[in-house]
Every structure is written in C-alpha cells, then in structure tokens.
PDB file of N, CA and C in Angstrom:
ATOM      1  N   MET A   1     115.347 135.209 103.489  1.00  0.00           N
ATOM      2  CA  MET A   1     114.123 134.429 103.451  1.00  0.00           C
ATOM      3  C   MET A   1     114.337 133.118 104.210  1.00  0.00           C
ATOM      4  N   PRO A   2     113.391 132.724 105.051  1.00  0.00           N
ATOM      5  CA  PRO A   2     113.536 131.474 105.806  1.00  0.00           C
ATOM      6  C   PRO A   2     113.569 130.255 104.895  1.00  0.00           C
ATOM      7  N   ALA A   3     114.107 129.158 105.433  1.00  0.00           N
ATOM      8  CA  ALA A   3     114.120 127.892 104.699  1.00  0.00           C
ATOM      9  C   ALA A   3     112.681 127.441 104.461  1.00  0.00           C
ATOM     10  N   ASN A   4     112.505 126.532 103.506  1.00  0.00           N
ATOM     11  CA  ASN A   4     111.152 126.115 103.155  1.00  0.00           C
ATOM     12  C   ASN A   4     110.596 125.001 104.033  1.00  0.00           C
ATOM     13  N   ASN A   5     111.384 124.434 104.916  1.00  0.00           N
ATOM     14  CA  ASN A   5     110.936 123.369 105.808  1.00  0.00           C
ATOM     15  C   ASN A   5     111.574 123.570 107.183  1.00  0.00           C
ATOM     16  N   VAL A   6     110.941 122.999 108.205  1.00  0.00           N
ATOM     17  CA  VAL A   6     111.517 123.052 109.542  1.00  0.00           C
ATOM     18  C   VAL A   6     111.357 121.704 110.223  1.00  0.00           C
ATOM     19  N   LEU A   7     112.245 121.427 111.138  1.00  0.00           N
ATOM     20  CA  LEU A   7     112.143 120.290 112.040  1.00  0.00           C
ATOM     21  C   LEU A   7     111.950 120.881 113.426  1.00  0.00           C
ATOM     22  N   VAL A   8     110.888 120.465 114.098  1.00  0.00           N
ATOM     23  CA  VAL A   8     110.528 121.015 115.397  1.00  0.00           C
ATOM     24  C   VAL A   8     110.774 119.970 116.479  1.00  0.00           C
ATOM     25  N   PHE A   9     111.463 120.369 117.533  1.00  0.00           N
ATOM     26  CA  PHE A   9     111.687 119.508 118.697  1.00  0.00           C
ATOM     27  C   PHE A   9     111.216 120.234 119.943  1.00  0.00           C
ATOM     28  N   LEU A  10     110.382 119.582 120.723  1.00  0.00           N
ATOM     29  CA  LEU A  10     109.988 120.066 122.040  1.00  0.00           C
ATOM     30  C   LEU A  10     110.645 119.141 123.058  1.00  0.00           C
ATOM     31  N   THR A  11     111.446 119.708 123.950  1.00  0.00           N
ATOM     32  CA  THR A  11     112.235 118.888 124.868  1.00  0.00           C
ATOM     33  C   THR A  11     112.151 119.401 126.303  1.00  0.00           C
ATOM     34  N   ASN A  12     112.555 118.534 127.196  1.00  0.00           N
ATOM     35  CA  ASN A  12     112.709 118.853 128.611  1.00  0.00           C
ATOM     36  C   ASN A  12     114.015 118.257 129.101  1.00  0.00           C
ATOM     37  N   CYS A  13     114.477 118.786 130.210  1.00  0.00           N
ATOM     38  CA  CYS A  13     115.558 118.175 130.963  1.00  0.00           C
ATOM     39  C   CYS A  13     114.975 117.878 132.343  1.00  0.00           C
ATOM     40  N   PRO A  14     114.513 116.643 132.556  1.00  0.00           N
ATOM     41  CA  PRO A  14     113.820 116.322 133.808  1.00  0.00           C
ATOM     42  C   PRO A  14     114.658 116.524 135.072  1.00  0.00           C
ATOM     43  N   ASP A  15     115.966 116.470 134.950  1.00  0.00           N
ATOM     44  CA  ASP A  15     116.854 116.646 136.105  1.00  0.00           C
ATOM     45  C   ASP A  15     117.274 118.112 136.188  1.00  0.00           C
ATOM     46  N   ALA A  16     116.608 118.879 137.040  1.00  0.00           N
ATOM     47  CA  ALA A  16     116.883 120.312 137.155  1.00  0.00           C
ATOM     48  C   ALA A  16     118.340 120.612 137.484  1.00  0.00           C
ATOM     49  N   SER A  17     119.012 119.701 138.159  1.00  0.00           N
ATOM     50  CA  SER A  17     120.416 119.934 138.518  1.00  0.00           C
ATOM     51  C   SER A  17     121.335 119.848 137.294  1.00  0.00           C
ATOM     52  N   ARG A  18     120.828 119.304 136.185  1.00  0.00           N
ATOM     53  CA  ARG A  18     121.642 119.171 134.971  1.00  0.00           C
ATOM     54  C   ARG A  18     121.177 120.114 133.859  1.00  0.00           C
ATOM     55  N   GLU A  19     120.263 121.021 134.165  1.00  0.00           N
ATOM     56  CA  GLU A  19     119.687 121.884 133.136  1.00  0.00           C
ATOM     57  C   GLU A  19     120.725 122.780 132.457  1.00  0.00           C
ATOM     58  N   ASP A  20     121.655 123.337 133.208  1.00  0.00           N
ATOM     59  CA  ASP A  20     122.715 124.155 132.590  1.00  0.00           C
ATOM     60  C   ASP A  20     123.557 123.307 131.640  1.00  0.00           C
ATOM     61  N   GLU A  21     123.885 122.096 132.075  1.00  0.00           N
ATOM     62  CA  GLU A  21     124.656 121.168 131.236  1.00  0.00           C
ATOM     63  C   GLU A  21     123.881 120.821 129.962  1.00  0.00           C
ATOM     64  N   PHE A  22     122.588 120.567 130.107  1.00  0.00           N
ATOM     65  CA  PHE A  22     121.721 120.268 128.966  1.00  0.00           C
ATOM     66  C   PHE A  22     121.704 121.424 127.970  1.00  0.00           C
ATOM     67  N   ASN A  23     121.502 122.636 128.460  1.00  0.00           N
ATOM     68  CA  ASN A  23     121.448 123.798 127.572  1.00  0.00           C
ATOM     69  C   ASN A  23     122.778 124.056 126.881  1.00  0.00           C
ATOM     70  N   ASP A  24     123.866 123.871 127.597  1.00  0.00           N
ATOM     71  CA  ASP A  24     125.192 124.038 126.991  1.00  0.00           C
ATOM     72  C   ASP A  24     125.405 123.001 125.898  1.00  0.00           C
ATOM     73  N   TRP A  25     125.083 121.745 126.186  1.00  0.00           N
ATOM     74  CA  TRP A  25     125.215 120.683 125.184  1.00  0.00           C
ATOM     75  C   TRP A  25     124.355 120.989 123.968  1.00  0.00           C
ATOM     76  N   TYR A  26     123.093 121.357 124.186  1.00  0.00           N
ATOM     77  CA  TYR A  26     122.174 121.557 123.069  1.00  0.00           C
ATOM     78  C   TYR A  26     122.686 122.652 122.138  1.00  0.00           C
ATOM     79  N   THR A  27     123.099 123.761 122.708  1.00  0.00           N
ATOM     80  CA  THR A  27     123.522 124.906 121.910  1.00  0.00           C
ATOM     81  C   THR A  27     124.920 124.733 121.315  1.00  0.00           C
ATOM     82  N   ASN A  28     125.850 124.193 122.085  1.00  0.00           N
ATOM     83  CA  ASN A  28     127.249 124.181 121.657  1.00  0.00           C
ATOM     84  C   ASN A  28     127.738 122.870 121.063  1.00  0.00           C
ATOM     85  N   VAL A  29     126.991 121.793 121.235  1.00  0.00           N
ATOM     86  CA  VAL A  29     127.372 120.504 120.652  1.00  0.00           C
ATOM     87  C   VAL A  29     126.326 120.057 119.635  1.00  0.00           C
ATOM     88  N   HIS A  30     125.096 119.901 120.092  1.00  0.00           N
ATOM     89  CA  HIS A  30     124.049 119.323 119.244  1.00  0.00           C
ATOM     90  C   HIS A  30     123.731 120.197 118.030  1.00  0.00           C
ATOM     91  N   PHE A  31     123.565 121.500 118.240  1.00  0.00           N
ATOM     92  CA  PHE A  31     123.311 122.392 117.099  1.00  0.00           C
ATOM     93  C   PHE A  31     124.441 122.285 116.074  1.00  0.00           C
ATOM     94  N   LYS A  32     125.670 122.313 116.550  1.00  0.00           N
ATOM     95  CA  LYS A  32     126.807 122.242 115.619  1.00  0.00           C
ATOM     96  C   LYS A  32     126.806 120.938 114.842  1.00  0.00           C
ATOM     97  N   ASP A  33     126.498 119.817 115.514  1.00  0.00           N
ATOM     98  CA  ASP A  33     126.448 118.527 114.821  1.00  0.00           C
ATOM     99  C   ASP A  33     125.357 118.519 113.749  1.00  0.00           C
ATOM    100  N   ILE A  34     124.165 118.942 114.117  1.00  0.00           N
ATOM    101  CA  ILE A  34     123.066 118.909 113.155  1.00  0.00           C
ATOM    102  C   ILE A  34     123.321 119.850 111.988  1.00  0.00           C
ATOM    103  N   LEU A  35     123.883 121.002 112.248  1.00  0.00           N
ATOM    104  CA  LEU A  35     124.092 121.977 111.173  1.00  0.00           C
ATOM    105  C   LEU A  35     125.222 121.600 110.223  1.00  0.00           C
ATOM    106  N   THR A  36     125.918 120.502 110.485  1.00  0.00           N
ATOM    107  CA  THR A  36     126.886 119.984 109.515  1.00  0.00           C
ATOM    108  C   THR A  36     126.212 119.079 108.488  1.00  0.00           C
ATOM    109  N   LEU A  37     124.960 118.672 108.746  1.00  0.00           N
ATOM    110  CA  LEU A  37     124.259 117.751 107.852  1.00  0.00           C
ATOM    111  C   LEU A  37     123.721 118.476 106.620  1.00  0.00           C
ATOM    112  N   PRO A  38     123.726 117.812 105.468  1.00  0.00           N
ATOM    113  CA  PRO A  38     123.171 118.423 104.257  1.00  0.00           C
ATOM    114  C   PRO A  38     121.702 118.791 104.449  1.00  0.00           C
ATOM    115  N   GLY A  39     121.355 119.981 104.013  1.00  0.00           N
ATOM    116  CA  GLY A  39     119.982 120.455 104.080  1.00  0.00           C
ATOM    117  C   GLY A  39     119.672 121.301 105.296  1.00  0.00           C
ATOM    118  N   PHE A  40     120.387 121.109 106.401  1.00  0.00           N
ATOM    119  CA  PHE A  40     120.127 121.874 107.618  1.00  0.00           C
ATOM    120  C   PHE A  40     120.869 123.205 107.538  1.00  0.00           C
ATOM    121  N   LYS A  41     120.115 124.315 107.564  1.00  0.00           N
ATOM    122  CA  LYS A  41     120.685 125.637 107.294  1.00  0.00           C
ATOM    123  C   LYS A  41     120.718 126.578 108.483  1.00  0.00           C
ATOM    124  N   GLY A  42     120.022 126.260 109.558  1.00  0.00           N
ATOM    125  CA  GLY A  42     120.013 127.143 110.718  1.00  0.00           C
ATOM    126  C   GLY A  42     119.180 126.542 111.823  1.00  0.00           C
ATOM    127  N   ALA A  43     119.307 127.107 113.015  1.00  0.00           N
ATOM    128  CA  ALA A  43     118.553 126.601 114.152  1.00  0.00           C
ATOM    129  C   ALA A  43     118.376 127.708 115.184  1.00  0.00           C
ATOM    130  N   THR A  44     117.283 127.594 115.922  1.00  0.00           N
ATOM    131  CA  THR A  44     116.991 128.528 117.013  1.00  0.00           C
ATOM    132  C   THR A  44     116.374 127.739 118.154  1.00  0.00           C
ATOM    133  N   ARG A  45     116.751 128.094 119.375  1.00  0.00           N
ATOM    134  CA  ARG A  45     116.123 127.483 120.560  1.00  0.00           C
ATOM    135  C   ARG A  45     115.313 128.539 121.290  1.00  0.00           C
ATOM    136  N   TYR A  46     114.260 128.047 121.937  1.00  0.00           N
ATOM    137  CA  TYR A  46     113.381 128.898 122.726  1.00  0.00           C
ATOM    138  C   TYR A  46     113.109 128.217 124.061  1.00  0.00           C
ATOM    139  N   ARG A  47     112.817 129.030 125.069  1.00  0.00           N
ATOM    140  CA  ARG A  47     112.387 128.521 126.366  1.00  0.00           C
ATOM    141  C   ARG A  47     110.963 129.025 126.581  1.00  0.00           C
ATOM    142  N   ILE A  48     110.100 128.193 127.121  1.00  0.00           N
ATOM    143  CA  ILE A  48     108.702 128.571 127.325  1.00  0.00           C
ATOM    144  C   ILE A  48     108.634 129.795 128.236  1.00  0.00           C
ATOM    145  N   ALA A  49     107.802 130.754 127.873  1.00  0.00           N
ATOM    146  CA  ALA A  49     107.691 131.997 128.644  1.00  0.00           C
ATOM    147  C   ALA A  49     106.619 131.893 129.722  1.00  0.00           C
ATOM    148  N   HIS A  50     105.509 131.254 129.400  1.00  0.00           N
ATOM    149  CA  HIS A  50     104.404 131.090 130.342  1.00  0.00           C
ATOM    150  C   HIS A  50     103.907 129.661 130.222  1.00  0.00           C
ATOM    151  N   ALA A  51     104.231 128.840 131.188  1.00  0.00           N
ATOM    152  CA  ALA A  51     103.894 127.415 131.127  1.00  0.00           C
ATOM    153  C   ALA A  51     102.405 127.191 131.362  1.00  0.00           C
ATOM    154  N   PRO A  52     101.789 126.392 130.498  1.00  0.00           N
ATOM    155  CA  PRO A  52     100.383 126.032 130.735  1.00  0.00           C
ATOM    156  C   PRO A  52     100.289 125.057 131.898  1.00  0.00           C
ATOM    157  N   GLU A  53      99.093 124.851 132.398  1.00  0.00           N
ATOM    158  CA  GLU A  53      98.909 123.926 133.513  1.00  0.00           C
ATOM    159  C   GLU A  53      99.074 122.470 133.096  1.00  0.00           C
ATOM    160  N   ALA A  54      98.745 122.149 131.855  1.00  0.00           N
ATOM    161  CA  ALA A  54      98.890 120.780 131.354  1.00  0.00           C
ATOM    162  C   ALA A  54     100.372 120.453 131.192  1.00  0.00           C
ATOM    163  N   PRO A  55     100.731 119.177 131.130  1.00  0.00           N
ATOM    164  CA  PRO A  55     102.136 118.825 130.882  1.00  0.00           C
ATOM    165  C   PRO A  55     102.641 119.542 129.625  1.00  0.00           C
ATOM    166  N   HIS A  56     103.852 120.006 129.697  1.00  0.00           N
ATOM    167  CA  HIS A  56     104.402 120.797 128.600  1.00  0.00           C
ATOM    168  C   HIS A  56     105.903 120.571 128.473  1.00  0.00           C
ATOM    169  N   ALA A  57     106.421 120.983 127.346  1.00  0.00           N
ATOM    170  CA  ALA A  57     107.863 120.985 127.130  1.00  0.00           C
ATOM    171  C   ALA A  57     108.384 122.384 127.446  1.00  0.00           C
ATOM    172  N   LYS A  58     109.497 122.448 128.109  1.00  0.00           N
ATOM    173  CA  LYS A  58     110.080 123.737 128.483  1.00  0.00           C
ATOM    174  C   LYS A  58     110.848 124.366 127.319  1.00  0.00           C
ATOM    175  N   TYR A  59     111.406 123.524 126.437  1.00  0.00           N
ATOM    176  CA  TYR A  59     112.268 124.029 125.372  1.00  0.00           C
ATOM    177  C   TYR A  59     111.737 123.664 123.993  1.00  0.00           C
ATOM    178  N   LEU A  60     111.950 124.571 123.055  1.00  0.00           N
ATOM    179  CA  LEU A  60     111.589 124.388 121.657  1.00  0.00           C
ATOM    180  C   LEU A  60     112.833 124.651 120.821  1.00  0.00           C
ATOM    181  N   ALA A  61     113.130 123.740 119.910  1.00  0.00           N
ATOM    182  CA  ALA A  61     114.207 123.956 118.930  1.00  0.00           C
ATOM    183  C   ALA A  61     113.591 123.862 117.546  1.00  0.00           C
ATOM    184  N   ILE A  62     113.937 124.816 116.696  1.00  0.00           N
ATOM    185  CA  ILE A  62     113.472 124.813 115.312  1.00  0.00           C
ATOM    186  C   ILE A  62     114.700 124.805 114.412  1.00  0.00           C
ATOM    187  N   TYR A  63     114.779 123.760 113.595  1.00  0.00           N
ATOM    188  CA  TYR A  63     115.879 123.615 112.636  1.00  0.00           C
ATOM    189  C   TYR A  63     115.344 123.960 111.253  1.00  0.00           C
ATOM    190  N   GLU A  64     115.997 124.861 110.560  1.00  0.00           N
ATOM    191  CA  GLU A  64     115.590 125.218 109.203  1.00  0.00           C
ATOM    192  C   GLU A  64     116.217 124.251 108.216  1.00  0.00           C
ATOM    193  N   ILE A  65     115.389 123.718 107.334  1.00  0.00           N
ATOM    194  CA  ILE A  65     115.828 122.743 106.341  1.00  0.00           C
ATOM    195  C   ILE A  65     115.540 123.297 104.956  1.00  0.00           C
ATOM    196  N   GLU A  66     116.557 123.311 104.128  1.00  0.00           N
ATOM    197  CA  GLU A  66     116.426 123.779 102.755  1.00  0.00           C
ATOM    198  C   GLU A  66     116.424 122.577 101.821  1.00  0.00           C
ATOM    199  N   GLY A  67     115.512 122.555 100.886  1.00  0.00           N
ATOM    200  CA  GLY A  67     115.492 121.462  99.916  1.00  0.00           C
ATOM    201  C   GLY A  67     114.642 120.295 100.380  1.00  0.00           C
ATOM    202  N   ASP A  68     115.068 119.104  99.981  1.00  0.00           N
ATOM    203  CA  ASP A  68     114.306 117.878 100.188  1.00  0.00           C
ATOM    204  C   ASP A  68     114.302 117.481 101.665  1.00  0.00           C
ATOM    205  N   ILE A  69     113.150 117.567 102.291  1.00  0.00           N
ATOM    206  CA  ILE A  69     113.042 117.276 103.723  1.00  0.00           C
ATOM    207  C   ILE A  69     113.310 115.800 104.015  1.00  0.00           C
ATOM    208  N   ASP A  70     112.894 114.907 103.108  1.00  0.00           N
ATOM    209  CA  ASP A  70     113.119 113.477 103.330  1.00  0.00           C
ATOM    210  C   ASP A  70     114.610 113.140 103.326  1.00  0.00           C
ATOM    211  N   LYS A  71     115.367 113.768 102.434  1.00  0.00           N
ATOM    212  CA  LYS A  71     116.817 113.541 102.401  1.00  0.00           C
ATOM    213  C   LYS A  71     117.477 114.061 103.677  1.00  0.00           C
ATOM    214  N   ALA A  72     117.053 115.240 104.129  1.00  0.00           N
ATOM    215  CA  ALA A  72     117.619 115.814 105.353  1.00  0.00           C
ATOM    216  C   ALA A  72     117.321 114.915 106.555  1.00  0.00           C
ATOM    217  N   MET A  73     116.096 114.406 106.621  1.00  0.00           N
ATOM    218  CA  MET A  73     115.728 113.535 107.737  1.00  0.00           C
ATOM    219  C   MET A  73     116.501 112.214 107.680  1.00  0.00           C
ATOM    220  N   ALA A  74     116.741 111.706 106.476  1.00  0.00           N
ATOM    221  CA  ALA A  74     117.533 110.479 106.331  1.00  0.00           C
ATOM    222  C   ALA A  74     118.964 110.710 106.813  1.00  0.00           C
ATOM    223  N   GLU A  75     119.530 111.866 106.504  1.00  0.00           N
ATOM    224  CA  GLU A  75     120.880 112.203 106.972  1.00  0.00           C
ATOM    225  C   GLU A  75     120.908 112.267 108.506  1.00  0.00           C
ATOM    226  N   LEU A  76     119.868 112.842 109.093  1.00  0.00           N
ATOM    227  CA  LEU A  76     119.787 112.925 110.551  1.00  0.00           C
ATOM    228  C   LEU A  76     119.688 111.529 111.162  1.00  0.00           C
ATOM    229  N   ASP A  77     118.846 110.686 110.602  1.00  0.00           N
ATOM    230  CA  ASP A  77     118.697 109.316 111.113  1.00  0.00           C
ATOM    231  C   ASP A  77     120.002 108.532 111.015  1.00  0.00           C
ATOM    232  N   LYS A  78     120.754 108.780 109.961  1.00  0.00           N
ATOM    233  CA  LYS A  78     122.042 108.102 109.768  1.00  0.00           C
ATOM    234  C   LYS A  78     123.091 108.606 110.772  1.00  0.00           C
ATOM    235  N   ALA A  79     123.032 109.884 111.108  1.00  0.00           N
ATOM    236  CA  ALA A  79     124.041 110.484 111.985  1.00  0.00           C
ATOM    237  C   ALA A  79     123.822 110.168 113.465  1.00  0.00           C
ATOM    238  N   ARG A  80     122.584 110.010 113.893  1.00  0.00           N
ATOM    239  CA  ARG A  80     122.297 109.818 115.327  1.00  0.00           C
ATOM    240  C   ARG A  80     123.105 108.692 115.969  1.00  0.00           C
ATOM    241  N   PRO A  81     123.137 107.474 115.391  1.00  0.00           N
ATOM    242  CA  PRO A  81     123.922 106.408 116.039  1.00  0.00           C
ATOM    243  C   PRO A  81     125.416 106.732 116.107  1.00  0.00           C
ATOM    244  N   GLN A  82     125.913 107.444 115.096  1.00  0.00           N
ATOM    245  CA  GLN A  82     127.326 107.832 115.103  1.00  0.00           C
ATOM    246  C   GLN A  82     127.599 108.818 116.245  1.00  0.00           C
ATOM    247  N   TRP A  83     126.698 109.775 116.427  1.00  0.00           N
ATOM    248  CA  TRP A  83     126.863 110.734 117.522  1.00  0.00           C
ATOM    249  C   TRP A  83     126.784 110.026 118.867  1.00  0.00           C
ATOM    250  N   ALA A  84     125.858 109.093 118.995  1.00  0.00           N
ATOM    251  CA  ALA A  84     125.721 108.345 120.254  1.00  0.00           C
ATOM    252  C   ALA A  84     126.989 107.555 120.545  1.00  0.00           C
ATOM    253  N   ALA A  85     127.532 106.882 119.529  1.00  0.00           N
ATOM    254  CA  ALA A  85     128.754 106.094 119.705  1.00  0.00           C
ATOM    255  C   ALA A  85     129.943 106.978 120.072  1.00  0.00           C
ATOM    256  N   ALA A  86     129.926 108.224 119.605  1.00  0.00           N
ATOM    257  CA  ALA A  86     131.022 109.151 119.896  1.00  0.00           C
ATOM    258  C   ALA A  86     130.798 109.916 121.201  1.00  0.00           C
ATOM    259  N   GLY A  87     129.714 109.615 121.919  1.00  0.00           N
ATOM    260  CA  GLY A  87     129.445 110.287 123.190  1.00  0.00           C
ATOM    261  C   GLY A  87     128.959 111.713 123.025  1.00  0.00           C
ATOM    262  N   ARG A  88     128.342 112.031 121.883  1.00  0.00           N
ATOM    263  CA  ARG A  88     127.910 113.398 121.604  1.00  0.00           C
ATOM    264  C   ARG A  88     126.416 113.627 121.848  1.00  0.00           C
ATOM    265  N   MET A  89     125.760 112.676 122.496  1.00  0.00           N
ATOM    266  CA  MET A  89     124.347 112.835 122.841  1.00  0.00           C
ATOM    267  C   MET A  89     124.232 113.070 124.349  1.00  0.00           C
ATOM    268  N   PHE A  90     123.214 113.788 124.766  1.00  0.00           N
ATOM    269  CA  PHE A  90     122.997 114.095 126.178  1.00  0.00           C
ATOM    270  C   PHE A  90     122.013 113.082 126.746  1.00  0.00           C
ATOM    271  N   ASP A  91     122.435 112.357 127.776  1.00  0.00           N
ATOM    272  CA  ASP A  91     121.612 111.272 128.311  1.00  0.00           C
ATOM    273  C   ASP A  91     120.425 111.746 129.145  1.00  0.00           C
ATOM    274  N   GLY A  92     120.305 113.034 129.372  1.00  0.00           N
ATOM    275  CA  GLY A  92     119.200 113.556 130.172  1.00  0.00           C
ATOM    276  C   GLY A  92     118.154 114.298 129.365  1.00  0.00           C
ATOM    277  N   THR A  93     118.061 114.007 128.065  1.00  0.00           N
ATOM    278  CA  THR A  93     117.095 114.683 127.213  1.00  0.00           C
ATOM    279  C   THR A  93     115.778 113.917 127.191  1.00  0.00           C
ATOM    280  N   GLN A  94     114.701 114.622 127.421  1.00  0.00           N
ATOM    281  CA  GLN A  94     113.360 114.045 127.272  1.00  0.00           C
ATOM    282  C   GLN A  94     112.719 114.738 126.070  1.00  0.00           C
ATOM    283  N   VAL A  95     112.471 113.963 125.019  1.00  0.00           N
ATOM    284  CA  VAL A  95     111.817 114.522 123.835  1.00  0.00           C
ATOM    285  C   VAL A  95     110.310 114.416 124.057  1.00  0.00           C
ATOM    286  N   PHE A  96     109.670 115.556 124.090  1.00  0.00           N
ATOM    287  CA  PHE A  96     108.235 115.647 124.302  1.00  0.00           C
ATOM    288  C   PHE A  96     107.497 115.466 122.974  1.00  0.00           C
ATOM    289  N   TYR A  97     108.084 116.007 121.893  1.00  0.00           N
ATOM    290  CA  TYR A  97     107.480 115.947 120.564  1.00  0.00           C
ATOM    291  C   TYR A  97     108.552 116.314 119.551  1.00  0.00           C
ATOM    292  N   ALA A  98     108.521 115.664 118.383  1.00  0.00           N
ATOM    293  CA  ALA A  98     109.432 116.014 117.296  1.00  0.00           C
ATOM    294  C   ALA A  98     108.759 115.670 115.971  1.00  0.00           C
ATOM    295  N   ALA A  99     108.861 116.585 114.997  1.00  0.00           N
ATOM    296  CA  ALA A  99     108.283 116.325 113.688  1.00  0.00           C
ATOM    297  C   ALA A  99     108.798 117.343 112.680  1.00  0.00           C
ATOM    298  N   PRO A 100     108.951 116.901 111.419  1.00  0.00           N
ATOM    299  CA  PRO A 100     109.282 117.842 110.355  1.00  0.00           C
ATOM    300  C   PRO A 100     108.005 118.472 109.795  1.00  0.00           C
ATOM    301  N   TYR A 101     108.109 119.711 109.394  1.00  0.00           N
ATOM    302  CA  TYR A 101     106.989 120.442 108.795  1.00  0.00           C
ATOM    303  C   TYR A 101     107.416 121.051 107.471  1.00  0.00           C
ATOM    304  N   GLU A 102     106.523 121.008 106.488  1.00  0.00           N
ATOM    305  CA  GLU A 102     106.745 121.637 105.185  1.00  0.00           C
ATOM    306  C   GLU A 102     105.991 122.954 105.146  1.00  0.00           C
ATOM    307  N   ALA A 103     106.619 123.973 104.590  1.00  0.00           N
ATOM    308  CA  ALA A 103     105.958 125.273 104.459  1.00  0.00           C
ATOM    309  C   ALA A 103     104.810 125.162 103.460  1.00  0.00           C
ATOM    310  N   ILE A 104     103.700 125.793 103.793  1.00  0.00           N
ATOM    311  CA  ILE A 104     102.568 125.829 102.855  1.00  0.00           C
ATOM    312  C   ILE A 104     102.254 127.256 102.412  1.00  0.00           C
ATOM    313  N   THR A 105     102.991 128.221 102.963  1.00  0.00           N
ATOM    314  CA  THR A 105     102.906 129.609 102.499  1.00  0.00           C
ATOM    315  C   THR A 105     104.325 130.155 102.446  1.00  0.00           C
ATOM    316  N   ASP A 106     104.500 131.243 101.733  1.00  0.00           N
ATOM    317  CA  ASP A 106     105.740 132.005 101.828  1.00  0.00           C
ATOM    318  C   ASP A 106     105.769 132.705 103.180  1.00  0.00           C
ATOM    319  N   PHE A 107     106.942 133.163 103.582  1.00  0.00           N
ATOM    320  CA  PHE A 107     107.072 133.925 104.806  1.00  0.00           C
ATOM    321  C   PHE A 107     106.306 135.240 104.641  1.00  0.00           C
ATOM    322  N   ILE A 108     105.457 135.556 105.599  1.00  0.00           N
ATOM    323  CA  ILE A 108     104.661 136.781 105.551  1.00  0.00           C
ATOM    324  C   ILE A 108     105.160 137.701 106.640  1.00  0.00           C
ATOM    325  N   LYS A 109     105.615 138.870 106.240  1.00  0.00           N
ATOM    326  CA  LYS A 109     106.198 139.822 107.170  1.00  0.00           C
ATOM    327  C   LYS A 109     105.157 140.881 107.561  1.00  0.00           C
ATOM    328  N   ALA A 110     105.197 141.303 108.810  1.00  0.00           N
ATOM    329  CA  ALA A 110     104.284 142.319 109.279  1.00  0.00           C
ATOM    330  C   ALA A 110     104.524 143.637 108.557  1.00  0.00           C
ATOM    331  N   GLY A 111     103.467 144.408 108.417  1.00  0.00           N
ATOM    332  CA  GLY A 111     103.575 145.752 107.870  1.00  0.00           C
ATOM    333  C   GLY A 111     103.621 145.728 106.401  1.00  0.00           C
TER     334      GLY A 111
END
C-alpha cells in the first residue's frame, strides 16, 4: 500500500550539457539523502513524455511520506543546509514547483 502523503517536485536542468550529471546526482545522491530522513519511505522520478507548449518542467519526483507530513518536512528543511555545506546539492537544479500533498482517498486499484 502506498504511503499516505507525498512530496512532489517538478524540476528542470536548464543546462542541457549537464543533464546526465543532473540525473545521476538526483537518482544516486539526492534520493539516497532524502530517503535517510524520518518519514520518507520511497521515491520515484519521471520524465515528461509529451511536453505541452506552455513552460513546463521536464522532470517529476514523488517522495512517499509515511506518518506526520509536517515532521517529515521539518526534517527535510533541517537537512538541506547540511547537504549544501557538504557539497551534496546540484547547482544546476531549477525547481519549477514543489509541495507536499496529503492523501484524501485510499489507493484505488484498477479492476
């Protein structure tokens, strides 16, 4: 069963020459850092399949959060400066949108 809350990030890497580096960092560094925080139970990244004509984010990351979303977000806010000081943040990330969401239904499976 999925976690009861999610944190959604829509991002871009404006420098196309660094896109491979960005994707490697996001999957192999950033995901691992976030998933060490209390409450964060899983993550998935997506790449846009069909870009709309309006400005858009190319990448979507969904972090599954179990339990108290406010506590999980506080842990994330506390960790960010530490990661930055340790050189674990990617300087070419453009955050298009980010927000936590609370589930309002149970997971509904097809069929």
